[in-house]
Amino acid sequence: MANEQGGRAGIVRGVEETGVVAVIRMKEPDKLRAVVDALVDGGVRALEVTMTVPGAVGLIEQLAKNLPAGFYLGAGTVLDPETARHVILAGAQFLVAPVLNVDVIRLGHRYDVAVMPGCFSPTEILTAWEAGADVVKVFPATALGPGFFKDVRGPLPQVKMMPTGGVTLANAGEWIKAGAVAIGVGTALLDTKAIAAGDFTQISANARQLIESVKAARA
């Protein structure tokens, strides 16, 4: 089963270019398509639907059938190879996890799907990279801060890292300046109150602000 949009390398390029992965754990999955449209309107092109969302696999399958051009759909909280296979067959183009499971990396690569395992320490980060991780998700980044990225990239400049947890609209650019290839953003981007109220213009505005922060930090 070959992945589209240039295989897993193309997916990683796409995620790096947009610089932002929206992480969704919403309780109202029926509003997911409207969220996707709002993200696209704001310039965010990658969405991670976590397995904690009710009926997540079915939602990924529905979204995958009619994705906007150039949009990347991933599955989050993928803890084991069995779940990985389910979400890949449903249409997930990249896999994200809060922990490192080498078997998930192997399974994802068998299907030409990018894998972004979660790591916390420098030893874990290097272990994941040497096991073939396409991007290492540093989680929870809340406790570490952008300075950690700068410190780790000193001896490990080859590793592509993405923080999740602790990324806000205000500090997004700091993570990019510290060496993150992209940022994973949950509630700061996907405001639960705005979604519940059907205020998707707020989601677009948040997305726009994040994209501008990433561009400014890279400039």
N, C-alpha and C. Protein backbone atom coordinates (compact mmCIF):
# COMPACT_ATOMS: atom_id res chain seq x y z
N MET A 1 0.85 -1.20 0.00
CA MET A 1 0.00 0.00 0.00
C MET A 1 0.88 1.25 0.00
N ALA A 2 0.93 1.96 -1.08
CA ALA A 2 1.78 3.15 -1.18
C ALA A 2 1.03 4.37 -0.70
N ASN A 3 1.71 5.19 0.06
CA ASN A 3 1.12 6.44 0.51
C ASN A 3 1.18 7.45 -0.63
N GLU A 4 0.22 8.36 -0.63
CA GLU A 4 0.19 9.39 -1.67
C GLU A 4 1.01 10.61 -1.22
N GLN A 5 1.04 11.62 -2.06
CA GLN A 5 1.73 12.88 -1.76
C GLN A 5 3.22 12.66 -1.49
N GLY A 6 3.84 11.76 -2.28
CA GLY A 6 5.28 11.58 -2.18
C GLY A 6 5.73 10.63 -1.10
N GLY A 7 4.85 9.74 -0.66
CA GLY A 7 5.24 8.78 0.37
C GLY A 7 5.54 9.47 1.68
N ARG A 8 6.17 8.74 2.59
CA ARG A 8 6.37 9.31 3.93
C ARG A 8 7.33 10.50 3.91
N ALA A 9 8.30 10.48 3.01
CA ALA A 9 9.21 11.62 2.91
C ALA A 9 8.45 12.88 2.48
N GLY A 10 7.50 12.71 1.57
CA GLY A 10 6.68 13.84 1.12
C GLY A 10 5.79 14.37 2.23
N ILE A 11 5.26 13.46 3.05
CA ILE A 11 4.42 13.87 4.18
C ILE A 11 5.25 14.69 5.17
N VAL A 12 6.46 14.21 5.47
CA VAL A 12 7.33 14.93 6.40
C VAL A 12 7.66 16.31 5.86
N ARG A 13 7.97 16.38 4.57
CA ARG A 13 8.25 17.68 3.94
C ARG A 13 7.05 18.62 4.09
N GLY A 14 5.86 18.07 3.83
CA GLY A 14 4.65 18.87 3.92
C GLY A 14 4.41 19.40 5.33
N VAL A 15 4.60 18.53 6.31
CA VAL A 15 4.42 18.94 7.71
C VAL A 15 5.45 20.00 8.10
N GLU A 16 6.69 19.80 7.65
CA GLU A 16 7.74 20.78 7.93
C GLU A 16 7.43 22.14 7.29
N GLU A 17 6.96 22.10 6.06
CA GLU A 17 6.67 23.35 5.34
C GLU A 17 5.59 24.16 6.03
N THR A 18 4.50 23.48 6.42
CA THR A 18 3.42 24.21 7.09
C THR A 18 3.84 24.56 8.52
N GLY A 19 4.64 23.70 9.15
CA GLY A 19 5.21 24.02 10.45
C GLY A 19 4.30 23.83 11.64
N VAL A 20 3.04 23.49 11.39
CA VAL A 20 2.07 23.35 12.49
C VAL A 20 1.25 22.09 12.29
N VAL A 21 1.17 21.27 13.35
CA VAL A 21 0.27 20.12 13.36
C VAL A 21 -0.81 20.39 14.39
N ALA A 22 -2.05 20.46 13.95
CA ALA A 22 -3.17 20.66 14.87
C ALA A 22 -3.51 19.33 15.53
N VAL A 23 -3.59 19.32 16.84
CA VAL A 23 -3.87 18.10 17.59
C VAL A 23 -5.28 18.19 18.16
N ILE A 24 -6.15 17.28 17.73
CA ILE A 24 -7.55 17.39 18.13
C ILE A 24 -7.98 16.25 19.04
N ARG A 25 -8.59 16.64 20.16
CA ARG A 25 -9.14 15.66 21.11
C ARG A 25 -10.58 16.04 21.43
N MET A 26 -11.30 16.55 20.45
CA MET A 26 -12.63 17.11 20.66
C MET A 26 -13.66 16.06 21.06
N LYS A 27 -14.66 16.52 21.81
CA LYS A 27 -15.73 15.64 22.27
C LYS A 27 -16.92 15.65 21.32
N GLU A 28 -16.87 16.51 20.29
CA GLU A 28 -17.97 16.60 19.33
C GLU A 28 -17.44 16.29 17.93
N PRO A 29 -17.23 15.01 17.64
CA PRO A 29 -16.62 14.63 16.36
C PRO A 29 -17.43 15.03 15.13
N ASP A 30 -18.72 15.31 15.32
CA ASP A 30 -19.54 15.70 14.16
C ASP A 30 -19.12 17.06 13.60
N LYS A 31 -18.34 17.82 14.38
CA LYS A 31 -17.89 19.13 13.91
C LYS A 31 -16.49 19.08 13.28
N LEU A 32 -15.96 17.88 13.13
CA LEU A 32 -14.57 17.74 12.69
C LEU A 32 -14.32 18.31 11.30
N ARG A 33 -15.24 18.09 10.38
CA ARG A 33 -15.04 18.59 9.01
C ARG A 33 -14.99 20.12 8.99
N ALA A 34 -15.85 20.74 9.79
CA ALA A 34 -15.85 22.20 9.87
C ALA A 34 -14.53 22.70 10.45
N VAL A 35 -13.97 21.94 11.38
CA VAL A 35 -12.66 22.29 11.96
C VAL A 35 -11.57 22.22 10.90
N VAL A 36 -11.60 21.15 10.09
CA VAL A 36 -10.62 20.99 9.01
C VAL A 36 -10.70 22.18 8.06
N ASP A 37 -11.90 22.55 7.66
CA ASP A 37 -12.07 23.68 6.74
C ASP A 37 -11.55 24.98 7.35
N ALA A 38 -11.77 25.15 8.66
CA ALA A 38 -11.30 26.35 9.35
C ALA A 38 -9.77 26.38 9.41
N LEU A 39 -9.16 25.22 9.64
CA LEU A 39 -7.69 25.13 9.67
C LEU A 39 -7.10 25.48 8.31
N VAL A 40 -7.71 24.92 7.25
CA VAL A 40 -7.24 25.20 5.89
C VAL A 40 -7.35 26.70 5.60
N ASP A 41 -8.45 27.30 6.01
CA ASP A 41 -8.67 28.73 5.79
C ASP A 41 -7.59 29.56 6.49
N GLY A 42 -7.10 29.04 7.64
CA GLY A 42 -6.07 29.75 8.39
C GLY A 42 -4.66 29.39 7.99
N GLY A 43 -4.50 28.42 7.07
CA GLY A 43 -3.18 28.06 6.57
C GLY A 43 -2.55 26.82 7.18
N VAL A 44 -3.21 26.20 8.15
CA VAL A 44 -2.68 24.96 8.73
C VAL A 44 -3.09 23.79 7.86
N ARG A 45 -2.11 22.93 7.51
CA ARG A 45 -2.37 21.86 6.54
C ARG A 45 -2.21 20.45 7.11
N ALA A 46 -2.06 20.34 8.43
CA ALA A 46 -1.87 19.01 9.02
C ALA A 46 -2.70 18.87 10.29
N LEU A 47 -3.41 17.77 10.39
CA LEU A 47 -4.28 17.51 11.54
C LEU A 47 -4.03 16.12 12.08
N GLU A 48 -3.88 16.04 13.39
CA GLU A 48 -3.71 14.76 14.07
C GLU A 48 -4.98 14.47 14.86
N VAL A 49 -5.71 13.43 14.47
CA VAL A 49 -6.90 13.01 15.20
C VAL A 49 -6.47 11.94 16.20
N THR A 50 -6.58 12.23 17.48
CA THR A 50 -6.10 11.29 18.48
C THR A 50 -7.09 10.15 18.69
N MET A 51 -6.56 9.02 19.13
CA MET A 51 -7.39 7.85 19.38
C MET A 51 -8.31 8.04 20.59
N THR A 52 -8.13 9.15 21.32
CA THR A 52 -9.01 9.43 22.45
C THR A 52 -10.33 10.07 21.99
N VAL A 53 -10.41 10.47 20.71
CA VAL A 53 -11.66 11.00 20.16
C VAL A 53 -12.61 9.83 19.91
N PRO A 54 -13.87 9.91 20.36
CA PRO A 54 -14.82 8.82 20.13
C PRO A 54 -14.94 8.48 18.64
N GLY A 55 -14.80 7.18 18.32
CA GLY A 55 -14.92 6.74 16.93
C GLY A 55 -13.83 7.28 16.03
N ALA A 56 -12.62 7.45 16.58
CA ALA A 56 -11.53 8.11 15.84
C ALA A 56 -11.21 7.44 14.50
N VAL A 57 -11.18 6.11 14.48
CA VAL A 57 -10.80 5.41 13.24
C VAL A 57 -11.83 5.69 12.14
N GLY A 58 -13.10 5.65 12.50
CA GLY A 58 -14.15 5.95 11.53
C GLY A 58 -14.09 7.39 11.04
N LEU A 59 -13.74 8.31 11.94
CA LEU A 59 -13.63 9.72 11.56
C LEU A 59 -12.49 9.93 10.57
N ILE A 60 -11.37 9.25 10.84
CA ILE A 60 -10.22 9.34 9.92
C ILE A 60 -10.62 8.81 8.55
N GLU A 61 -11.35 7.71 8.54
CA GLU A 61 -11.79 7.13 7.27
C GLU A 61 -12.69 8.09 6.51
N GLN A 62 -13.61 8.74 7.20
CA GLN A 62 -14.51 9.70 6.55
C GLN A 62 -13.73 10.89 6.00
N LEU A 63 -12.84 11.44 6.81
CA LEU A 63 -12.07 12.62 6.38
C LEU A 63 -11.16 12.29 5.22
N ALA A 64 -10.54 11.12 5.26
CA ALA A 64 -9.56 10.74 4.23
C ALA A 64 -10.18 10.67 2.84
N LYS A 65 -11.47 10.41 2.77
CA LYS A 65 -12.14 10.28 1.47
C LYS A 65 -12.27 11.60 0.74
N ASN A 66 -12.23 12.71 1.48
CA ASN A 66 -12.50 13.99 0.84
C ASN A 66 -11.66 15.10 1.45
N LEU A 67 -10.35 14.87 1.50
CA LEU A 67 -9.44 15.86 2.09
C LEU A 67 -9.19 17.01 1.12
N PRO A 68 -9.04 18.23 1.65
CA PRO A 68 -8.65 19.34 0.79
C PRO A 68 -7.26 19.06 0.20
N ALA A 69 -7.00 19.59 -0.97
CA ALA A 69 -5.70 19.37 -1.63
C ALA A 69 -4.56 19.85 -0.74
N GLY A 70 -3.53 19.02 -0.63
CA GLY A 70 -2.35 19.41 0.14
C GLY A 70 -2.54 19.34 1.64
N PHE A 71 -3.59 18.68 2.09
CA PHE A 71 -3.83 18.55 3.53
C PHE A 71 -3.34 17.18 4.01
N TYR A 72 -2.73 17.15 5.18
CA TYR A 72 -2.14 15.92 5.72
C TYR A 72 -2.91 15.47 6.95
N LEU A 73 -3.38 14.24 6.90
CA LEU A 73 -4.21 13.69 7.97
C LEU A 73 -3.45 12.62 8.75
N GLY A 74 -3.32 12.84 10.04
CA GLY A 74 -2.60 11.88 10.87
C GLY A 74 -3.45 11.32 11.98
N ALA A 75 -2.95 10.28 12.61
CA ALA A 75 -3.59 9.67 13.77
C ALA A 75 -2.67 9.85 14.97
N GLY A 76 -3.24 10.24 16.09
CA GLY A 76 -2.46 10.44 17.30
C GLY A 76 -2.79 9.42 18.38
N THR A 77 -1.94 9.35 19.39
CA THR A 77 -2.07 8.39 20.50
C THR A 77 -2.09 6.97 19.95
N VAL A 78 -1.24 6.72 18.96
CA VAL A 78 -1.11 5.37 18.37
C VAL A 78 -0.06 4.62 19.19
N LEU A 79 -0.52 3.71 20.03
CA LEU A 79 0.36 3.10 21.03
C LEU A 79 0.90 1.73 20.64
N ASP A 80 0.32 1.10 19.61
CA ASP A 80 0.72 -0.27 19.27
C ASP A 80 0.55 -0.51 17.77
N PRO A 81 1.21 -1.54 17.23
CA PRO A 81 1.14 -1.82 15.79
C PRO A 81 -0.27 -2.14 15.30
N GLU A 82 -1.08 -2.77 16.15
CA GLU A 82 -2.45 -3.11 15.73
C GLU A 82 -3.26 -1.86 15.44
N THR A 83 -3.17 -0.88 16.35
CA THR A 83 -3.87 0.39 16.13
C THR A 83 -3.29 1.11 14.92
N ALA A 84 -1.98 1.05 14.79
CA ALA A 84 -1.31 1.69 13.64
C ALA A 84 -1.88 1.17 12.33
N ARG A 85 -2.02 -0.13 12.23
CA ARG A 85 -2.52 -0.73 10.98
C ARG A 85 -3.96 -0.29 10.71
N HIS A 86 -4.79 -0.26 11.75
CA HIS A 86 -6.19 0.16 11.59
C HIS A 86 -6.28 1.58 11.04
N VAL A 87 -5.50 2.49 11.62
CA VAL A 87 -5.62 3.89 11.19
C VAL A 87 -5.00 4.12 9.82
N ILE A 88 -3.95 3.36 9.50
CA ILE A 88 -3.35 3.48 8.16
C ILE A 88 -4.34 3.01 7.10
N LEU A 89 -4.99 1.88 7.35
CA LEU A 89 -5.97 1.38 6.39
C LEU A 89 -7.17 2.31 6.28
N ALA A 90 -7.42 3.08 7.35
CA ALA A 90 -8.51 4.06 7.33
C ALA A 90 -8.12 5.32 6.56
N GLY A 91 -6.80 5.52 6.35
CA GLY A 91 -6.36 6.66 5.55
C GLY A 91 -5.38 7.61 6.22
N ALA A 92 -4.91 7.27 7.43
CA ALA A 92 -3.93 8.14 8.10
C ALA A 92 -2.62 8.17 7.33
N GLN A 93 -2.06 9.35 7.15
CA GLN A 93 -0.82 9.52 6.40
C GLN A 93 0.40 9.65 7.31
N PHE A 94 0.16 9.91 8.59
CA PHE A 94 1.26 9.91 9.56
C PHE A 94 0.72 9.47 10.92
N LEU A 95 1.62 8.90 11.72
CA LEU A 95 1.26 8.37 13.03
C LEU A 95 2.02 9.14 14.10
N VAL A 96 1.32 9.49 15.17
CA VAL A 96 1.95 10.20 16.28
C VAL A 96 1.62 9.45 17.57
N ALA A 97 2.56 9.45 18.50
CA ALA A 97 2.32 8.78 19.78
C ALA A 97 2.95 9.60 20.91
N PRO A 98 2.45 9.42 22.14
CA PRO A 98 3.06 10.10 23.28
C PRO A 98 4.29 9.36 23.81
N VAL A 99 4.50 8.14 23.28
CA VAL A 99 5.60 7.28 23.76
C VAL A 99 6.31 6.66 22.56
N LEU A 100 7.45 6.00 22.84
CA LEU A 100 8.22 5.33 21.79
C LEU A 100 7.90 3.84 21.78
N ASN A 101 7.41 3.36 20.64
CA ASN A 101 7.23 1.93 20.41
C ASN A 101 7.86 1.64 19.05
N VAL A 102 8.98 0.96 19.07
CA VAL A 102 9.74 0.71 17.84
C VAL A 102 8.93 -0.10 16.84
N ASP A 103 8.06 -0.97 17.32
CA ASP A 103 7.23 -1.79 16.43
C ASP A 103 6.25 -0.93 15.63
N VAL A 104 5.80 0.18 16.22
CA VAL A 104 4.92 1.10 15.50
C VAL A 104 5.68 1.76 14.35
N ILE A 105 6.94 2.11 14.60
CA ILE A 105 7.77 2.69 13.53
C ILE A 105 7.91 1.70 12.38
N ARG A 106 8.23 0.46 12.72
CA ARG A 106 8.40 -0.57 11.67
C ARG A 106 7.12 -0.76 10.87
N LEU A 107 6.00 -0.83 11.56
CA LEU A 107 4.71 -1.05 10.89
C LEU A 107 4.38 0.13 9.98
N GLY A 108 4.57 1.35 10.49
CA GLY A 108 4.29 2.54 9.68
C GLY A 108 5.11 2.58 8.42
N HIS A 109 6.39 2.25 8.54
CA HIS A 109 7.28 2.31 7.38
C HIS A 109 6.96 1.21 6.37
N ARG A 110 6.43 0.11 6.84
CA ARG A 110 6.01 -0.96 5.93
C ARG A 110 4.94 -0.44 4.97
N TYR A 111 4.13 0.51 5.47
CA TYR A 111 3.06 1.09 4.65
C TYR A 111 3.46 2.46 4.07
N ASP A 112 4.73 2.82 4.20
CA ASP A 112 5.23 4.11 3.70
C ASP A 112 4.52 5.30 4.36
N VAL A 113 4.29 5.16 5.67
CA VAL A 113 3.62 6.20 6.45
C VAL A 113 4.62 6.77 7.46
N ALA A 114 4.63 8.09 7.59
CA ALA A 114 5.55 8.75 8.53
C ALA A 114 5.15 8.46 9.98
N VAL A 115 6.16 8.30 10.84
CA VAL A 115 5.90 7.99 12.25
C VAL A 115 6.64 9.00 13.14
N MET A 116 5.91 9.53 14.11
CA MET A 116 6.44 10.56 15.01
C MET A 116 6.21 10.14 16.46
N PRO A 117 7.12 9.33 17.01
CA PRO A 117 6.93 8.85 18.38
C PRO A 117 7.26 9.91 19.42
N GLY A 118 6.67 9.77 20.59
CA GLY A 118 6.90 10.72 21.68
C GLY A 118 8.08 10.31 22.54
N CYS A 119 8.95 11.27 22.83
CA CYS A 119 10.14 11.02 23.66
C CYS A 119 10.34 12.22 24.59
N PHE A 120 11.08 12.00 25.67
CA PHE A 120 11.29 13.05 26.66
C PHE A 120 12.77 13.35 26.89
N SER A 121 13.58 12.31 27.00
CA SER A 121 15.00 12.49 27.32
C SER A 121 15.86 12.44 26.06
N PRO A 122 17.09 12.97 26.10
CA PRO A 122 17.99 12.87 24.96
C PRO A 122 18.24 11.43 24.54
N THR A 123 18.33 10.52 25.50
CA THR A 123 18.55 9.10 25.17
C THR A 123 17.38 8.55 24.38
N GLU A 124 16.16 8.84 24.83
CA GLU A 124 14.96 8.40 24.11
C GLU A 124 14.90 9.00 22.71
N ILE A 125 15.21 10.29 22.63
CA ILE A 125 15.16 10.99 21.34
C ILE A 125 16.10 10.34 20.33
N LEU A 126 17.33 10.05 20.75
CA LEU A 126 18.29 9.42 19.84
C LEU A 126 17.89 7.99 19.52
N THR A 127 17.37 7.27 20.49
CA THR A 127 16.91 5.90 20.27
C THR A 127 15.82 5.87 19.20
N ALA A 128 14.87 6.80 19.31
CA ALA A 128 13.78 6.88 18.34
C ALA A 128 14.30 7.21 16.95
N TRP A 129 15.23 8.17 16.88
CA TRP A 129 15.79 8.59 15.60
C TRP A 129 16.53 7.44 14.93
N GLU A 130 17.34 6.72 15.72
CA GLU A 130 18.10 5.59 15.17
C GLU A 130 17.19 4.42 14.78
N ALA A 131 16.00 4.37 15.38
CA ALA A 131 15.03 3.32 15.02
C ALA A 131 14.24 3.70 13.77
N GLY A 132 14.48 4.92 13.25
CA GLY A 132 13.85 5.32 11.99
C GLY A 132 12.74 6.34 12.11
N ALA A 133 12.53 6.92 13.29
CA ALA A 133 11.48 7.94 13.44
C ALA A 133 11.67 9.04 12.40
N ASP A 134 10.58 9.46 11.78
CA ASP A 134 10.66 10.50 10.76
C ASP A 134 10.77 11.88 11.40
N VAL A 135 10.08 12.05 12.50
CA VAL A 135 10.17 13.24 13.35
C VAL A 135 10.02 12.73 14.77
N VAL A 136 10.76 13.29 15.71
CA VAL A 136 10.60 12.91 17.11
C VAL A 136 9.73 13.95 17.80
N LYS A 137 8.59 13.49 18.29
CA LYS A 137 7.71 14.37 19.07
C LYS A 137 8.25 14.45 20.49
N VAL A 138 8.61 15.63 20.92
CA VAL A 138 9.09 15.80 22.29
C VAL A 138 7.88 16.11 23.17
N PHE A 139 7.61 15.19 24.11
CA PHE A 139 6.38 15.27 24.91
C PHE A 139 6.60 14.71 26.31
N PRO A 140 6.03 15.35 27.33
CA PRO A 140 5.36 16.66 27.27
C PRO A 140 6.38 17.79 27.28
N ALA A 141 6.30 18.64 26.28
CA ALA A 141 7.28 19.72 26.15
C ALA A 141 7.03 20.83 27.17
N THR A 142 5.85 20.81 27.79
CA THR A 142 5.50 21.81 28.80
C THR A 142 6.59 21.95 29.85
N ALA A 143 7.10 20.80 30.31
CA ALA A 143 8.09 20.80 31.40
C ALA A 143 9.50 21.15 30.93
N LEU A 144 9.70 21.23 29.61
CA LEU A 144 11.06 21.38 29.08
C LEU A 144 11.36 22.79 28.56
N GLY A 145 10.47 23.33 27.75
CA GLY A 145 10.68 24.67 27.21
C GLY A 145 11.58 24.68 25.99
N PRO A 146 11.55 25.78 25.22
CA PRO A 146 12.35 25.89 24.00
C PRO A 146 13.84 25.72 24.23
N GLY A 147 14.34 26.13 25.38
CA GLY A 147 15.77 26.00 25.66
C GLY A 147 16.26 24.57 25.57
N PHE A 148 15.39 23.63 25.90
CA PHE A 148 15.74 22.20 25.82
C PHE A 148 16.07 21.82 24.38
N PHE A 149 15.28 22.33 23.44
CA PHE A 149 15.50 22.03 22.02
C PHE A 149 16.86 22.54 21.57
N LYS A 150 17.18 23.77 21.98
CA LYS A 150 18.46 24.36 21.61
C LYS A 150 19.61 23.52 22.17
N ASP A 151 19.46 23.07 23.42
CA ASP A 151 20.50 22.27 24.06
C ASP A 151 20.68 20.91 23.37
N VAL A 152 19.58 20.26 23.04
CA VAL A 152 19.64 18.93 22.43
C VAL A 152 20.16 19.00 21.00
N ARG A 153 19.79 20.04 20.30
CA ARG A 153 20.22 20.16 18.90
C ARG A 153 21.72 20.45 18.79
N GLY A 154 22.34 20.88 19.87
CA GLY A 154 23.79 21.07 19.85
C GLY A 154 24.51 19.78 19.48
N PRO A 155 24.35 18.71 20.28
CA PRO A 155 25.00 17.45 19.97
C PRO A 155 24.24 16.58 18.97
N LEU A 156 22.93 16.88 18.76
CA LEU A 156 22.12 16.04 17.87
C LEU A 156 21.43 16.89 16.78
N PRO A 157 22.22 17.58 15.95
CA PRO A 157 21.63 18.49 14.96
C PRO A 157 20.85 17.77 13.86
N GLN A 158 21.10 16.47 13.71
CA GLN A 158 20.45 15.72 12.63
C GLN A 158 19.00 15.33 12.95
N VAL A 159 18.62 15.41 14.23
CA VAL A 159 17.31 14.93 14.65
C VAL A 159 16.23 15.99 14.41
N LYS A 160 15.15 15.57 13.75
CA LYS A 160 14.00 16.46 13.53
C LYS A 160 13.08 16.33 14.74
N MET A 161 12.85 17.44 15.44
CA MET A 161 12.05 17.40 16.66
C MET A 161 10.84 18.33 16.57
N MET A 162 9.75 17.90 17.19
CA MET A 162 8.50 18.67 17.21
C MET A 162 7.95 18.65 18.64
N PRO A 163 7.78 19.83 19.27
CA PRO A 163 7.22 19.84 20.61
C PRO A 163 5.70 19.71 20.60
N THR A 164 5.16 19.02 21.56
CA THR A 164 3.72 18.99 21.79
C THR A 164 3.50 19.10 23.29
N GLY A 165 2.58 19.97 23.67
CA GLY A 165 2.38 20.28 25.08
C GLY A 165 3.18 21.52 25.41
N GLY A 166 2.52 22.54 25.88
CA GLY A 166 3.25 23.77 26.23
C GLY A 166 3.42 24.74 25.09
N VAL A 167 2.91 24.41 23.90
CA VAL A 167 2.99 25.33 22.77
C VAL A 167 1.74 26.21 22.76
N THR A 168 1.95 27.52 22.76
CA THR A 168 0.84 28.47 22.79
C THR A 168 0.92 29.42 21.60
N LEU A 169 -0.12 30.22 21.43
CA LEU A 169 -0.10 31.22 20.36
C LEU A 169 1.03 32.22 20.59
N ALA A 170 1.35 32.47 21.86
CA ALA A 170 2.36 33.47 22.19
C ALA A 170 3.79 32.97 22.02
N ASN A 171 4.02 31.67 22.29
CA ASN A 171 5.42 31.20 22.27
C ASN A 171 5.78 30.32 21.08
N ALA A 172 4.85 30.16 20.13
CA ALA A 172 5.07 29.25 19.00
C ALA A 172 6.40 29.53 18.29
N GLY A 173 6.68 30.79 18.03
CA GLY A 173 7.90 31.15 17.32
C GLY A 173 9.17 30.79 18.07
N GLU A 174 9.11 30.81 19.39
CA GLU A 174 10.29 30.49 20.20
C GLU A 174 10.75 29.04 19.97
N TRP A 175 9.79 28.15 19.82
CA TRP A 175 10.13 26.73 19.58
C TRP A 175 10.82 26.56 18.23
N ILE A 176 10.31 27.28 17.23
CA ILE A 176 10.90 27.21 15.88
C ILE A 176 12.32 27.78 15.90
N LYS A 177 12.50 28.91 16.56
CA LYS A 177 13.83 29.52 16.67
C LYS A 177 14.81 28.60 17.39
N ALA A 178 14.28 27.80 18.33
CA ALA A 178 15.14 26.88 19.10
C ALA A 178 15.49 25.62 18.33
N GLY A 179 14.87 25.44 17.14
CA GLY A 179 15.25 24.31 16.30
C GLY A 179 14.17 23.31 15.98
N ALA A 180 12.94 23.53 16.44
CA ALA A 180 11.84 22.62 16.10
C ALA A 180 11.54 22.71 14.61
N VAL A 181 11.29 21.56 13.96
CA VAL A 181 10.94 21.57 12.53
C VAL A 181 9.46 21.89 12.34
N ALA A 182 8.69 21.66 13.41
CA ALA A 182 7.25 21.96 13.40
C ALA A 182 6.80 21.97 14.86
N ILE A 183 5.57 22.43 15.08
CA ILE A 183 5.02 22.44 16.43
C ILE A 183 3.68 21.71 16.43
N GLY A 184 3.43 20.95 17.48
CA GLY A 184 2.14 20.29 17.66
C GLY A 184 1.31 21.12 18.63
N VAL A 185 0.14 21.56 18.20
CA VAL A 185 -0.66 22.48 19.01
C VAL A 185 -2.08 21.94 19.19
N GLY A 186 -2.52 21.85 20.44
CA GLY A 186 -3.85 21.35 20.74
C GLY A 186 -4.81 22.47 21.07
N THR A 187 -5.09 22.62 22.37
CA THR A 187 -6.14 23.55 22.81
C THR A 187 -5.85 25.01 22.46
N ALA A 188 -4.58 25.38 22.37
CA ALA A 188 -4.25 26.77 22.03
C ALA A 188 -4.75 27.13 20.63
N LEU A 189 -4.81 26.13 19.76
CA LEU A 189 -5.30 26.33 18.39
C LEU A 189 -6.77 25.96 18.27
N LEU A 190 -7.10 24.77 18.76
CA LEU A 190 -8.46 24.25 18.63
C LEU A 190 -9.24 24.55 19.91
N ASP A 191 -9.59 25.81 20.05
CA ASP A 191 -10.30 26.30 21.22
C ASP A 191 -11.62 25.54 21.40
N THR A 192 -11.71 24.78 22.49
CA THR A 192 -12.90 23.92 22.70
C THR A 192 -14.19 24.73 22.84
N LYS A 193 -14.09 25.90 23.47
CA LYS A 193 -15.29 26.73 23.63
C LYS A 193 -15.76 27.25 22.27
N ALA A 194 -14.80 27.65 21.44
CA ALA A 194 -15.15 28.16 20.10
C ALA A 194 -15.80 27.05 19.27
N ILE A 195 -15.23 25.84 19.34
CA ILE A 195 -15.79 24.72 18.58
C ILE A 195 -17.19 24.40 19.06
N ALA A 196 -17.38 24.36 20.39
CA ALA A 196 -18.70 24.07 20.95
C ALA A 196 -19.73 25.10 20.52
N ALA A 197 -19.28 26.36 20.40
CA ALA A 197 -20.19 27.44 20.01
C ALA A 197 -20.35 27.55 18.49
N GLY A 198 -19.58 26.72 17.75
CA GLY A 198 -19.65 26.78 16.29
C GLY A 198 -18.94 28.00 15.72
N ASP A 199 -18.02 28.59 16.51
CA ASP A 199 -17.29 29.77 16.08
C ASP A 199 -15.98 29.34 15.40
N PHE A 200 -16.11 28.89 14.17
CA PHE A 200 -14.94 28.36 13.46
C PHE A 200 -14.04 29.47 12.92
N THR A 201 -14.54 30.70 12.88
CA THR A 201 -13.69 31.82 12.48
C THR A 201 -12.57 32.02 13.51
N GLN A 202 -12.83 31.67 14.77
CA GLN A 202 -11.80 31.79 15.80
C GLN A 202 -10.69 30.77 15.56
N ILE A 203 -11.08 29.57 15.11
CA ILE A 203 -10.09 28.54 14.80
C ILE A 203 -9.21 29.01 13.64
N SER A 204 -9.82 29.60 12.62
CA SER A 204 -9.06 30.13 11.48
C SER A 204 -8.11 31.23 11.92
N ALA A 205 -8.59 32.10 12.83
CA ALA A 205 -7.76 33.21 13.31
C ALA A 205 -6.56 32.68 14.10
N ASN A 206 -6.81 31.66 14.94
CA ASN A 206 -5.71 31.04 15.70
C ASN A 206 -4.69 30.42 14.76
N ALA A 207 -5.20 29.71 13.74
CA ALA A 207 -4.33 29.05 12.77
C ALA A 207 -3.46 30.08 12.05
N ARG A 208 -4.09 31.18 11.64
CA ARG A 208 -3.38 32.24 10.93
C ARG A 208 -2.25 32.82 11.79
N GLN A 209 -2.55 33.02 13.07
CA GLN A 209 -1.56 33.59 13.98
C GLN A 209 -0.37 32.64 14.15
N LEU A 210 -0.65 31.34 14.26
CA LEU A 210 0.43 30.37 14.40
C LEU A 210 1.30 30.30 13.16
N ILE A 211 0.66 30.28 11.99
CA ILE A 211 1.40 30.22 10.73
C ILE A 211 2.30 31.44 10.57
N GLU A 212 1.78 32.60 10.93
CA GLU A 212 2.58 33.83 10.84
C GLU A 212 3.75 33.79 11.82
N SER A 213 3.52 33.24 13.01
CA SER A 213 4.60 33.13 14.01
C SER A 213 5.71 32.23 13.51
N VAL A 214 5.33 31.12 12.88
CA VAL A 214 6.31 30.18 12.33
C VAL A 214 7.12 30.85 11.22
N LYS A 215 6.41 31.53 10.31
CA LYS A 215 7.10 32.22 9.21
C LYS A 215 8.09 33.27 9.73
N ALA A 216 7.64 34.06 10.71
CA ALA A 216 8.48 35.11 11.27
C ALA A 216 9.70 34.53 11.95
N ALA A 217 9.51 33.41 12.67
CA ALA A 217 10.64 32.78 13.37
C ALA A 217 11.65 32.22 12.39
N ARG A 218 11.18 31.70 11.27
CA ARG A 218 12.09 31.13 10.26
C ARG A 218 12.82 32.22 9.48
N ALA A 219 12.18 33.38 9.38
CA ALA A 219 12.80 34.49 8.64
C ALA A 219 13.97 35.06 9.42
